[in-house]
Protein backbone atom coordinates (compact mmCIF):
# COMPACT_ATOMS: atom_id res chain seq x y z
CA MET A 1 126.62 218.58 -69.46
CA THR A 2 126.77 215.94 -72.31
CA LEU A 3 123.98 215.85 -74.96
CA PHE A 4 124.46 212.03 -75.22
CA GLY A 5 126.00 209.35 -73.16
CA PRO A 6 127.78 206.87 -72.83
CA VAL A 7 129.61 205.37 -75.75
CA MET A 8 128.59 201.61 -76.17
CA GLN A 9 129.61 200.88 -79.72
CA LEU A 10 132.29 201.62 -82.12
CA GLY A 11 131.27 201.51 -85.73
CA PHE A 12 133.84 200.69 -88.48
CA VAL A 13 133.35 201.14 -92.14
CA VAL A 14 135.36 198.04 -93.79
CA PRO A 15 135.91 197.00 -97.44
CA ASP A 16 135.64 193.30 -96.52
CA LEU A 17 133.26 192.45 -93.68
CA GLU A 18 134.27 188.82 -93.16
CA ALA A 19 138.01 189.67 -93.38
CA ALA A 20 137.57 192.50 -90.65
CA ALA A 21 135.49 190.21 -88.44
CA ARG A 22 138.14 187.43 -88.68
CA HIS A 23 140.70 190.19 -87.63
CA TRP A 24 138.78 191.17 -84.61
CA ALA A 25 138.02 187.70 -83.61
CA GLY A 26 141.71 186.92 -83.90
CA LEU A 27 142.14 189.50 -81.09
CA GLY A 28 139.80 187.80 -78.92
CA VAL A 29 136.62 189.91 -79.73
CA GLY A 30 133.55 187.87 -80.69
CA PRO A 31 131.60 186.06 -81.77
CA PHE A 32 130.51 188.27 -84.55
CA PHE A 33 126.76 188.12 -85.76
CA ILE A 34 126.62 188.75 -89.28
CA LEU A 35 123.49 190.44 -90.86
CA ASP A 36 123.65 190.30 -94.57
CA ASN A 37 122.22 192.71 -97.13
CA ILE A 38 119.87 194.80 -94.73
CA ASP A 39 117.58 196.56 -96.90
CA PHE A 40 117.37 200.25 -96.01
CA GLY A 41 114.56 200.69 -98.54
CA ALA A 42 112.27 198.26 -96.39
CA GLY A 43 112.04 200.84 -93.67
CA HIS A 44 112.63 204.78 -93.92
CA CYS A 45 116.12 206.25 -94.26
CA GLU A 46 116.94 209.82 -95.24
CA TYR A 47 120.69 211.11 -95.92
CA ARG A 48 120.98 214.85 -95.77
CA GLY A 49 117.13 215.38 -96.12
CA GLN A 50 116.55 212.98 -99.19
CA ARG A 51 115.06 209.58 -98.79
CA VAL A 52 117.56 206.81 -99.71
CA SER A 53 117.46 203.06 -100.22
CA PHE A 54 120.39 201.06 -100.06
CA THR A 55 121.75 197.52 -98.75
CA MET A 56 124.47 197.05 -96.41
CA SER A 57 125.73 194.18 -94.23
CA ALA A 58 126.83 194.69 -90.47
CA ALA A 59 128.73 192.38 -88.24
CA LEU A 60 128.48 193.01 -84.34
CA ALA A 61 130.17 191.66 -81.34
CA GLN A 62 130.91 192.62 -78.03
CA TRP A 63 134.20 193.89 -76.52
CA GLY A 64 133.77 194.21 -72.70
CA ALA A 65 131.27 197.17 -72.30
CA VAL A 66 131.78 198.08 -75.91
CA GLN A 67 130.15 196.72 -79.04
CA VAL A 68 132.11 196.59 -82.31
CA GLU A 69 130.14 197.19 -85.30
CA LEU A 70 131.62 196.36 -88.66
CA ILE A 71 129.74 197.91 -91.78
CA GLN A 72 129.96 197.26 -95.61
CA GLN A 73 127.78 199.09 -97.73
CA ARG A 74 126.74 196.63 -100.70
CA ASP A 75 125.77 199.29 -103.21
CA ALA A 76 128.47 201.89 -103.15
CA SER A 77 126.44 204.05 -105.97
CA VAL A 78 124.00 205.25 -103.38
CA ARG A 79 125.34 208.06 -101.22
CA THR A 80 125.03 207.71 -97.40
CA ILE A 81 127.37 208.26 -94.63
CA TYR A 82 129.20 205.14 -95.17
CA THR A 83 129.96 205.85 -98.69
CA ASP A 84 131.15 209.47 -97.91
CA PHE A 85 133.42 208.07 -95.25
CA ALA A 86 134.82 205.27 -97.58
CA GLN A 87 135.43 207.57 -100.27
CA ALA A 88 137.19 210.04 -98.01
CA LYS A 89 139.01 207.70 -95.72
CA GLY A 90 138.86 204.20 -97.16
CA SER A 91 137.93 202.47 -94.06
CA GLY A 92 138.25 202.97 -90.15
CA LEU A 93 136.24 204.18 -87.38
CA GLN A 94 133.15 205.96 -88.70
CA HIS A 95 130.94 206.60 -85.64
CA MET A 96 130.48 205.90 -81.86
CA GLY A 97 127.08 204.66 -81.04
CA VAL A 98 124.88 205.69 -77.90
CA MET A 99 121.70 204.44 -76.82
CA THR A 100 118.68 206.80 -76.06
CA LYS A 101 115.21 206.72 -74.72
CA SER A 102 114.17 209.13 -77.63
CA VAL A 103 115.75 209.90 -80.83
CA ASP A 104 113.46 212.78 -81.38
CA ALA A 105 114.25 214.39 -78.07
CA ASP A 106 118.05 214.01 -78.48
CA LEU A 107 117.75 215.28 -82.09
CA ALA A 108 115.91 218.28 -80.67
CA ALA A 109 118.49 219.00 -78.06
CA PHE A 110 121.18 218.72 -80.83
CA ALA A 111 119.26 220.98 -83.03
CA ALA A 112 119.07 223.69 -80.34
CA ARG A 113 122.87 223.72 -80.68
CA GLY A 114 122.84 224.02 -84.35
CA ILE A 115 123.67 220.16 -84.84
CA ARG A 116 121.75 218.20 -87.38
CA ALA A 117 121.12 214.53 -88.38
CA THR A 118 123.12 213.64 -91.46
CA GLN A 119 121.31 210.33 -91.79
CA HIS A 120 118.24 209.11 -89.74
CA GLY A 121 115.24 206.59 -90.01
CA THR A 122 113.61 203.44 -89.00
CA THR A 123 114.54 199.95 -89.90
CA ALA A 124 111.71 197.61 -91.34
CA ASN A 125 111.63 195.89 -87.75
CA GLY A 126 111.00 199.38 -85.93
CA ILE A 127 114.50 200.27 -84.83
CA ARG A 128 115.08 204.10 -84.93
CA PHE A 129 118.46 205.62 -85.44
CA ALA A 130 119.90 209.01 -86.30
CA TYR A 131 123.66 209.81 -87.10
CA VAL A 132 124.49 213.47 -86.05
CA GLU A 133 126.98 215.70 -87.72
CA THR A 134 129.37 215.94 -84.81
CA ASP A 135 132.18 214.92 -87.07
CA GLU A 136 131.62 217.93 -89.28
CA MET A 137 131.63 220.67 -86.33
CA THR A 138 134.67 222.93 -85.85
CA GLY A 139 137.40 220.78 -84.35
CA GLY A 140 135.60 217.54 -85.23
CA HIS A 141 137.25 214.84 -87.07
CA PRO A 142 136.62 211.55 -89.05
CA GLY A 143 135.19 208.95 -86.76
CA GLY A 144 133.66 211.52 -84.49
CA MET A 145 130.23 211.06 -85.82
CA ILE A 146 127.53 210.03 -82.96
CA GLU A 147 124.76 207.55 -83.76
CA LEU A 148 121.70 207.71 -81.65
CA ILE A 149 119.94 204.35 -81.31
CA GLU A 150 116.61 204.29 -79.66
CA HIS A 151 115.89 201.67 -77.09
CA GLY A 152 113.25 199.32 -78.19
CA PRO A 153 112.28 195.56 -77.92
CA ALA A 154 114.22 194.48 -81.47
CA ILE A 155 117.49 196.44 -80.49
CA ASP A 156 117.63 195.84 -77.03
CA GLY A 157 116.92 192.06 -77.43
CA PHE A 158 119.50 191.75 -80.15
CA PHE A 159 122.18 193.74 -78.41
CA ALA A 160 121.60 191.51 -75.21
CA MET A 161 122.09 188.30 -77.38
CA VAL A 162 125.51 189.65 -78.92
CA LYS A 163 126.46 190.57 -75.41
CA LYS A 164 125.46 187.14 -73.93
CA ALA A 165 127.32 185.44 -76.47
CA ALA A 166 130.57 187.09 -75.78
CA ASP A 167 130.58 186.30 -72.00
CA GLY A 168 133.09 183.36 -71.78
CA TRP A 169 133.33 183.02 -75.60
CA ASP A 170 135.94 180.13 -76.36
CA GLY A 171 137.01 181.56 -79.66
CA LYS A 172 134.90 178.84 -81.61
CA ASP A 173 132.66 179.71 -84.36
CA PRO A 174 133.80 183.26 -84.58
CA LEU A 175 131.33 184.44 -87.57
CA ARG A 176 127.44 183.56 -87.03
CA ARG A 177 124.98 184.44 -89.84
CA LEU A 178 121.71 185.61 -88.73
C-alpha cells in the first residue's frame, strides 16, 4: 500500500528559470507559465519547524500526464528545501508532486511511519502543500522528496489551464508570464 500516489509533477531546482524553460520547450514541453517572485511571506510557510519568508519564481508546463515545475529561489540567504538542494547538488530533480484530498490526513499517515514534513504551508491564495522527508530516509536519495499538493479551486484551476495549453501546443510563445 502506498502512502501517496500517483506522481503528477517533477520539480526541478534550477539556477536560471528562463534558460531551463527554454531548454524544455526546445524538447517540445510547453508552454511554460512563469510565476515571478512568489512571496511565501504572504501566506504561511515553515521549514523544519521554523516560519520562513522567501521569494521564488516557478515555471510550469505539462508533458503528457506529467507536469514539469522549474523552481528558482530568489533570495538564497533564506534556508529552505530549495537552497538546501541547490547547495548540495546545484540543480536537478528535487521533488515529485502528488495531489491529495487532505495534506493533514496524509501528514498524519506519514507521521505514523516516522516521516515528517520538511517544509509545509499555505500560499496567500490558499493553496496547501507539504514536502515530506522521503529523500532523507534510509535508502533515500536527492530528488526523492515527495510534495503533497492539496486539491482546491485555485490549484486545480491553474493545473487544468497548464494542461489545456499543452494540448496541441505548436511551439509558439513558449514562456508566458502570469
